[in-house]
């Protein structure tokens, strides 16, 4: 069960790839598409594997990533 979901603003992303490198689950990549700046932006291709570690959001120099954490279900 996923613990979170990264939300990436493609127009704020400059395609530096720092988030791709730091993601422990390796679920981020640079998109084939371009943003308004003409850059390949980061995208998440496997949200179901997100652990909500927030490493991607912390390392992003442009604050283009927000990580949503899901509430735990009570047993």
N, C-alpha and C. Protein backbone atom coordinates (compact mmCIF):
# COMPACT_ATOMS: atom_id res chain seq x y z
N UNK A 1 0.84 -1.19 0.00
CA UNK A 1 0.00 0.00 0.00
C UNK A 1 0.88 1.25 0.00
N UNK A 2 0.61 2.20 -0.90
CA UNK A 2 1.42 3.41 -0.94
C UNK A 2 1.24 4.25 0.32
N UNK A 3 2.29 4.92 0.71
CA UNK A 3 2.24 5.76 1.90
C UNK A 3 2.11 7.23 1.54
N UNK A 4 2.25 7.53 0.26
CA UNK A 4 2.17 8.91 -0.17
C UNK A 4 2.14 9.03 -1.67
N UNK A 5 2.20 10.30 -2.12
CA UNK A 5 2.17 10.57 -3.56
C UNK A 5 2.91 11.87 -3.82
N UNK A 6 3.93 11.82 -4.68
CA UNK A 6 4.62 13.07 -5.03
C UNK A 6 3.80 13.85 -6.06
N UNK A 7 3.72 15.14 -5.86
CA UNK A 7 3.04 16.02 -6.81
C UNK A 7 4.09 16.98 -7.34
N UNK A 8 4.36 16.91 -8.63
CA UNK A 8 5.41 17.71 -9.25
C UNK A 8 4.78 18.76 -10.16
N UNK A 9 5.15 20.01 -9.95
CA UNK A 9 4.68 21.11 -10.79
C UNK A 9 5.61 21.19 -11.99
N UNK A 10 5.16 20.72 -13.16
CA UNK A 10 6.05 20.68 -14.33
C UNK A 10 6.58 22.05 -14.75
N UNK A 11 5.82 23.10 -14.51
CA UNK A 11 6.26 24.42 -14.94
C UNK A 11 7.29 25.05 -14.00
N UNK A 12 7.41 24.55 -12.79
CA UNK A 12 8.43 25.03 -11.87
C UNK A 12 9.70 24.19 -11.96
N UNK A 13 9.58 22.99 -12.49
CA UNK A 13 10.71 22.06 -12.58
C UNK A 13 11.64 22.47 -13.71
N UNK A 14 12.95 22.51 -13.42
CA UNK A 14 13.92 22.86 -14.46
C UNK A 14 14.65 21.64 -15.00
N UNK A 15 14.25 20.45 -14.56
CA UNK A 15 14.81 19.22 -15.10
C UNK A 15 16.22 18.92 -14.65
N UNK A 16 16.58 19.32 -13.46
CA UNK A 16 17.95 19.10 -12.97
C UNK A 16 18.21 17.63 -12.65
N UNK A 17 17.16 16.87 -12.33
CA UNK A 17 17.30 15.44 -12.07
C UNK A 17 17.76 15.08 -10.68
N UNK A 18 17.89 16.05 -9.79
CA UNK A 18 18.31 15.74 -8.42
C UNK A 18 17.32 14.81 -7.72
N UNK A 19 16.03 15.03 -7.94
CA UNK A 19 15.01 14.19 -7.30
C UNK A 19 15.07 12.76 -7.84
N UNK A 20 15.37 12.63 -9.11
CA UNK A 20 15.48 11.30 -9.72
C UNK A 20 16.61 10.53 -9.07
N UNK A 21 17.73 11.21 -8.83
CA UNK A 21 18.91 10.58 -8.25
C UNK A 21 18.72 10.20 -6.78
N UNK A 22 17.95 11.00 -6.04
CA UNK A 22 17.84 10.78 -4.59
C UNK A 22 16.70 9.84 -4.19
N UNK A 23 15.78 9.56 -5.08
CA UNK A 23 14.61 8.73 -4.73
C UNK A 23 15.04 7.29 -4.41
N UNK A 24 14.81 6.82 -3.19
CA UNK A 24 15.23 5.46 -2.83
C UNK A 24 14.41 4.37 -3.54
N UNK A 25 13.21 4.69 -3.96
CA UNK A 25 12.36 3.72 -4.64
C UNK A 25 12.54 3.76 -6.16
N UNK A 26 13.28 4.73 -6.66
CA UNK A 26 13.54 4.88 -8.10
C UNK A 26 12.24 4.95 -8.92
N UNK A 27 11.31 5.82 -8.45
CA UNK A 27 10.01 5.95 -9.11
C UNK A 27 9.86 7.27 -9.87
N UNK A 28 10.93 8.05 -9.92
CA UNK A 28 10.91 9.32 -10.64
C UNK A 28 11.81 9.23 -11.86
N UNK A 29 11.44 9.99 -12.87
CA UNK A 29 12.25 10.06 -14.10
C UNK A 29 11.98 11.40 -14.76
N UNK A 30 12.83 11.74 -15.73
CA UNK A 30 12.58 12.94 -16.52
C UNK A 30 11.62 12.57 -17.65
N UNK A 31 10.59 13.35 -17.80
CA UNK A 31 9.57 13.10 -18.82
C UNK A 31 10.13 13.34 -20.22
N UNK A 32 9.51 12.70 -21.18
CA UNK A 32 9.88 12.94 -22.58
C UNK A 32 9.33 14.28 -23.06
N UNK A 33 8.24 14.71 -22.44
CA UNK A 33 7.62 15.98 -22.81
C UNK A 33 8.41 17.16 -22.23
N UNK A 34 8.10 18.35 -22.73
CA UNK A 34 8.77 19.57 -22.28
C UNK A 34 7.78 20.47 -21.55
N UNK A 35 8.29 21.27 -20.61
CA UNK A 35 7.45 22.27 -19.95
C UNK A 35 7.56 23.59 -20.71
N UNK A 36 6.98 24.65 -20.16
CA UNK A 36 6.99 25.95 -20.85
C UNK A 36 8.40 26.54 -20.98
N UNK A 37 9.31 26.08 -20.14
CA UNK A 37 10.69 26.57 -20.19
C UNK A 37 11.52 25.79 -21.22
N UNK A 38 10.91 24.77 -21.81
CA UNK A 38 11.61 23.96 -22.78
C UNK A 38 12.49 22.89 -22.15
N UNK A 39 12.19 22.54 -20.90
CA UNK A 39 12.96 21.55 -20.17
C UNK A 39 12.16 20.26 -19.99
N UNK A 40 12.86 19.14 -19.94
CA UNK A 40 12.22 17.89 -19.55
C UNK A 40 11.99 17.99 -18.05
N UNK A 41 10.79 17.78 -17.59
CA UNK A 41 10.47 17.90 -16.16
C UNK A 41 10.39 16.51 -15.53
N UNK A 42 10.49 16.47 -14.21
CA UNK A 42 10.40 15.20 -13.50
C UNK A 42 8.97 14.72 -13.44
N UNK A 43 8.80 13.41 -13.43
CA UNK A 43 7.48 12.81 -13.29
C UNK A 43 7.60 11.53 -12.48
N UNK A 44 6.52 11.17 -11.82
CA UNK A 44 6.46 9.91 -11.08
C UNK A 44 5.74 8.89 -11.95
N UNK A 45 6.37 7.75 -12.15
CA UNK A 45 5.75 6.73 -13.01
C UNK A 45 5.23 5.53 -12.22
N UNK A 46 5.40 5.54 -10.90
CA UNK A 46 4.92 4.42 -10.08
C UNK A 46 4.50 4.92 -8.70
N UNK A 47 3.44 5.72 -8.66
CA UNK A 47 2.97 6.30 -7.40
C UNK A 47 2.68 5.26 -6.34
N UNK A 48 2.27 4.07 -6.77
CA UNK A 48 1.91 3.02 -5.82
C UNK A 48 3.10 2.55 -4.97
N UNK A 49 4.32 2.89 -5.39
CA UNK A 49 5.51 2.48 -4.64
C UNK A 49 6.08 3.59 -3.77
N UNK A 50 5.45 4.75 -3.76
CA UNK A 50 5.94 5.89 -2.99
C UNK A 50 5.87 5.62 -1.49
N UNK A 51 6.98 5.88 -0.80
CA UNK A 51 7.03 5.67 0.65
C UNK A 51 6.86 6.98 1.42
N UNK A 52 6.67 8.08 0.72
CA UNK A 52 6.51 9.41 1.31
C UNK A 52 7.72 9.83 2.13
N UNK A 53 8.90 9.47 1.68
CA UNK A 53 10.12 9.82 2.40
C UNK A 53 10.42 11.32 2.32
N UNK A 54 9.92 12.00 1.33
CA UNK A 54 10.08 13.43 1.05
C UNK A 54 11.49 13.83 0.61
N UNK A 55 12.37 12.89 0.32
CA UNK A 55 13.71 13.23 -0.14
C UNK A 55 13.66 14.10 -1.40
N UNK A 56 12.74 13.76 -2.30
CA UNK A 56 12.63 14.51 -3.57
C UNK A 56 12.25 15.96 -3.31
N UNK A 57 11.31 16.19 -2.41
CA UNK A 57 10.86 17.55 -2.12
C UNK A 57 11.95 18.34 -1.39
N UNK A 58 12.69 17.69 -0.54
CA UNK A 58 13.76 18.36 0.21
C UNK A 58 14.89 18.80 -0.70
N UNK A 59 15.27 17.96 -1.65
CA UNK A 59 16.42 18.27 -2.52
C UNK A 59 16.08 19.20 -3.67
N UNK A 60 14.82 19.36 -3.99
CA UNK A 60 14.41 20.17 -5.14
C UNK A 60 14.77 21.65 -4.91
N UNK A 61 15.66 22.21 -5.74
CA UNK A 61 16.07 23.61 -5.54
C UNK A 61 14.99 24.63 -5.91
N UNK A 62 13.97 24.20 -6.63
CA UNK A 62 12.92 25.11 -7.06
C UNK A 62 11.59 24.89 -6.35
N UNK A 63 11.58 24.06 -5.34
CA UNK A 63 10.35 23.76 -4.58
C UNK A 63 9.21 23.37 -5.52
N UNK A 64 9.53 22.54 -6.51
CA UNK A 64 8.54 22.11 -7.49
C UNK A 64 7.83 20.82 -7.08
N UNK A 65 8.23 20.24 -5.94
CA UNK A 65 7.66 18.96 -5.53
C UNK A 65 7.02 19.07 -4.15
N UNK A 66 5.83 18.54 -4.05
CA UNK A 66 5.12 18.42 -2.78
C UNK A 66 4.77 16.95 -2.63
N UNK A 67 4.99 16.41 -1.43
CA UNK A 67 4.67 15.01 -1.19
C UNK A 67 3.47 14.94 -0.25
N UNK A 68 2.44 14.27 -0.71
CA UNK A 68 1.23 14.08 0.09
C UNK A 68 1.38 12.76 0.85
N UNK A 69 1.16 12.79 2.13
CA UNK A 69 1.21 11.57 2.94
C UNK A 69 -0.21 11.11 3.21
N UNK A 70 -0.41 9.79 3.04
CA UNK A 70 -1.73 9.22 3.28
C UNK A 70 -1.87 8.87 4.75
N UNK A 71 -3.08 9.03 5.26
CA UNK A 71 -3.35 8.65 6.65
C UNK A 71 -3.34 7.15 6.78
N UNK A 72 -2.84 6.68 7.88
CA UNK A 72 -2.83 5.24 8.13
C UNK A 72 -4.23 4.75 8.46
N UNK A 73 -4.53 3.57 7.95
CA UNK A 73 -5.82 2.98 8.27
C UNK A 73 -5.72 2.27 9.60
N UNK A 74 -6.72 2.42 10.41
CA UNK A 74 -6.73 1.75 11.72
C UNK A 74 -7.19 0.32 11.55
N UNK A 75 -6.52 -0.57 12.22
CA UNK A 75 -6.85 -2.00 12.10
C UNK A 75 -8.05 -2.39 12.90
